[in-house]
Amino acid sequence: MSEELKYGIPRAICIGETKYTKEEREKHDRDFEKILKDYGVLNENETIKHEE
């Protein structure tokens, strides 16, 4: 076992924040939804949007 692992796995530290516009968030959602449909996680008639 390495010396570093004796002390445990180090935790990630967030050093910044990314701000997206509404259009960018919508594009990311569409792209992610397409990926999920390509891999068969979502059916063609399903969406990731939360409906209330």
N, C-alpha and C. Protein backbone atom coordinates (compact mmCIF):
# COMPACT_ATOMS: atom_id res chain seq x y z
N MET A 1 0.85 -1.17 0.00
CA MET A 1 0.00 0.00 0.00
C MET A 1 0.90 1.24 0.00
N SER A 2 0.51 2.24 -0.80
CA SER A 2 1.32 3.44 -0.86
C SER A 2 1.17 4.27 0.41
N GLU A 3 2.14 5.10 0.62
CA GLU A 3 2.14 5.96 1.82
C GLU A 3 0.93 6.88 1.84
N GLU A 4 0.51 7.37 0.66
CA GLU A 4 -0.63 8.29 0.60
C GLU A 4 -1.93 7.60 1.00
N LEU A 5 -2.09 6.34 0.57
CA LEU A 5 -3.34 5.63 0.86
C LEU A 5 -3.47 5.23 2.32
N LYS A 6 -2.38 5.22 3.04
CA LYS A 6 -2.45 4.93 4.48
C LYS A 6 -3.28 5.98 5.21
N TYR A 7 -3.29 7.20 4.67
CA TYR A 7 -4.02 8.29 5.30
C TYR A 7 -5.41 8.48 4.70
N GLY A 8 -5.78 7.68 3.73
CA GLY A 8 -7.08 7.76 3.10
C GLY A 8 -7.02 8.53 1.79
N ILE A 9 -8.10 8.44 1.05
CA ILE A 9 -8.18 9.10 -0.24
C ILE A 9 -8.47 10.59 0.00
N PRO A 10 -7.68 11.47 -0.58
CA PRO A 10 -7.92 12.90 -0.35
C PRO A 10 -9.23 13.36 -0.96
N ARG A 11 -9.87 14.29 -0.33
CA ARG A 11 -11.14 14.83 -0.82
C ARG A 11 -10.89 15.94 -1.83
N ALA A 12 -11.79 16.03 -2.81
CA ALA A 12 -11.68 17.09 -3.82
C ALA A 12 -12.06 18.42 -3.18
N ILE A 13 -11.43 19.46 -3.63
CA ILE A 13 -11.71 20.80 -3.13
C ILE A 13 -12.21 21.64 -4.30
N CYS A 14 -13.40 22.20 -4.15
CA CYS A 14 -13.98 23.05 -5.19
C CYS A 14 -13.31 24.42 -5.10
N ILE A 15 -12.76 24.88 -6.21
CA ILE A 15 -12.05 26.16 -6.18
C ILE A 15 -12.73 27.22 -7.04
N GLY A 16 -13.83 26.87 -7.67
CA GLY A 16 -14.49 27.84 -8.53
C GLY A 16 -15.92 27.44 -8.82
N GLU A 17 -16.58 28.27 -9.53
CA GLU A 17 -17.98 28.02 -9.88
C GLU A 17 -18.19 28.45 -11.32
N THR A 18 -18.94 27.66 -12.07
CA THR A 18 -19.23 27.98 -13.46
C THR A 18 -20.67 28.42 -13.58
N LYS A 19 -20.90 29.53 -14.20
CA LYS A 19 -22.25 30.05 -14.41
C LYS A 19 -22.62 29.83 -15.86
N TYR A 20 -23.81 29.29 -16.08
CA TYR A 20 -24.32 29.04 -17.43
C TYR A 20 -25.56 29.89 -17.66
N THR A 21 -25.76 30.28 -18.91
CA THR A 21 -26.98 30.98 -19.27
C THR A 21 -28.10 29.96 -19.39
N LYS A 22 -29.33 30.45 -19.45
CA LYS A 22 -30.48 29.56 -19.58
C LYS A 22 -30.38 28.74 -20.86
N GLU A 23 -29.94 29.36 -21.95
CA GLU A 23 -29.82 28.65 -23.22
C GLU A 23 -28.76 27.54 -23.14
N GLU A 24 -27.64 27.83 -22.45
CA GLU A 24 -26.60 26.82 -22.31
C GLU A 24 -27.10 25.63 -21.48
N ARG A 25 -27.83 25.90 -20.39
CA ARG A 25 -28.37 24.82 -19.57
C ARG A 25 -29.35 23.96 -20.38
N GLU A 26 -30.19 24.61 -21.20
CA GLU A 26 -31.14 23.86 -22.02
C GLU A 26 -30.42 22.99 -23.04
N LYS A 27 -29.34 23.52 -23.63
CA LYS A 27 -28.58 22.74 -24.61
C LYS A 27 -27.91 21.54 -23.92
N HIS A 28 -27.35 21.76 -22.73
CA HIS A 28 -26.73 20.66 -21.99
C HIS A 28 -27.77 19.58 -21.67
N ASP A 29 -28.98 19.99 -21.28
CA ASP A 29 -30.05 19.03 -20.98
C ASP A 29 -30.43 18.24 -22.23
N ARG A 30 -30.54 18.92 -23.38
CA ARG A 30 -30.88 18.22 -24.62
C ARG A 30 -29.80 17.22 -25.00
N ASP A 31 -28.54 17.64 -24.89
CA ASP A 31 -27.42 16.76 -25.23
C ASP A 31 -27.38 15.55 -24.29
N PHE A 32 -27.58 15.77 -23.00
CA PHE A 32 -27.56 14.69 -22.03
C PHE A 32 -28.72 13.72 -22.28
N GLU A 33 -29.89 14.26 -22.59
CA GLU A 33 -31.05 13.43 -22.88
C GLU A 33 -30.79 12.57 -24.12
N LYS A 34 -30.15 13.14 -25.14
CA LYS A 34 -29.83 12.39 -26.36
C LYS A 34 -28.87 11.24 -26.04
N ILE A 35 -27.88 11.50 -25.19
CA ILE A 35 -26.93 10.46 -24.80
C ILE A 35 -27.65 9.33 -24.08
N LEU A 36 -28.54 9.68 -23.14
CA LEU A 36 -29.29 8.66 -22.41
C LEU A 36 -30.15 7.82 -23.34
N LYS A 37 -30.75 8.45 -24.35
CA LYS A 37 -31.58 7.72 -25.31
C LYS A 37 -30.73 6.83 -26.20
N ASP A 38 -29.54 7.31 -26.58
CA ASP A 38 -28.63 6.51 -27.41
C ASP A 38 -28.19 5.24 -26.68
N TYR A 39 -28.00 5.33 -25.37
CA TYR A 39 -27.57 4.17 -24.59
C TYR A 39 -28.74 3.33 -24.10
N GLY A 40 -29.96 3.74 -24.39
CA GLY A 40 -31.12 2.95 -24.02
C GLY A 40 -31.60 3.14 -22.59
N VAL A 41 -31.09 4.15 -21.91
CA VAL A 41 -31.53 4.41 -20.54
C VAL A 41 -32.93 5.02 -20.56
N LEU A 42 -33.19 5.89 -21.53
CA LEU A 42 -34.50 6.50 -21.70
C LEU A 42 -35.13 5.99 -23.00
N ASN A 43 -36.44 5.82 -22.97
CA ASN A 43 -37.17 5.50 -24.21
C ASN A 43 -37.34 6.79 -25.00
N GLU A 44 -37.70 6.66 -26.27
CA GLU A 44 -37.85 7.84 -27.13
C GLU A 44 -38.94 8.79 -26.63
N ASN A 45 -39.94 8.28 -25.92
CA ASN A 45 -41.03 9.15 -25.44
C ASN A 45 -40.79 9.65 -24.02
N GLU A 46 -39.62 9.38 -23.44
CA GLU A 46 -39.31 9.83 -22.09
C GLU A 46 -38.43 11.08 -22.14
N THR A 47 -38.43 11.82 -21.04
CA THR A 47 -37.63 13.03 -20.94
C THR A 47 -37.01 13.11 -19.55
N ILE A 48 -36.00 13.95 -19.39
CA ILE A 48 -35.38 14.14 -18.08
C ILE A 48 -35.99 15.32 -17.33
N LYS A 49 -36.85 16.05 -17.99
CA LYS A 49 -37.48 17.20 -17.35
C LYS A 49 -38.46 16.75 -16.29
N HIS A 50 -38.49 17.45 -15.16
CA HIS A 50 -39.39 17.12 -14.07
C HIS A 50 -40.73 17.82 -14.29
N GLU A 51 -41.78 17.04 -14.43
CA GLU A 51 -43.12 17.59 -14.64
C GLU A 51 -43.86 17.64 -13.33
N GLU A 52 -44.46 18.77 -13.00
CA GLU A 52 -45.24 18.89 -11.77
C GLU A 52 -46.69 18.93 -12.06
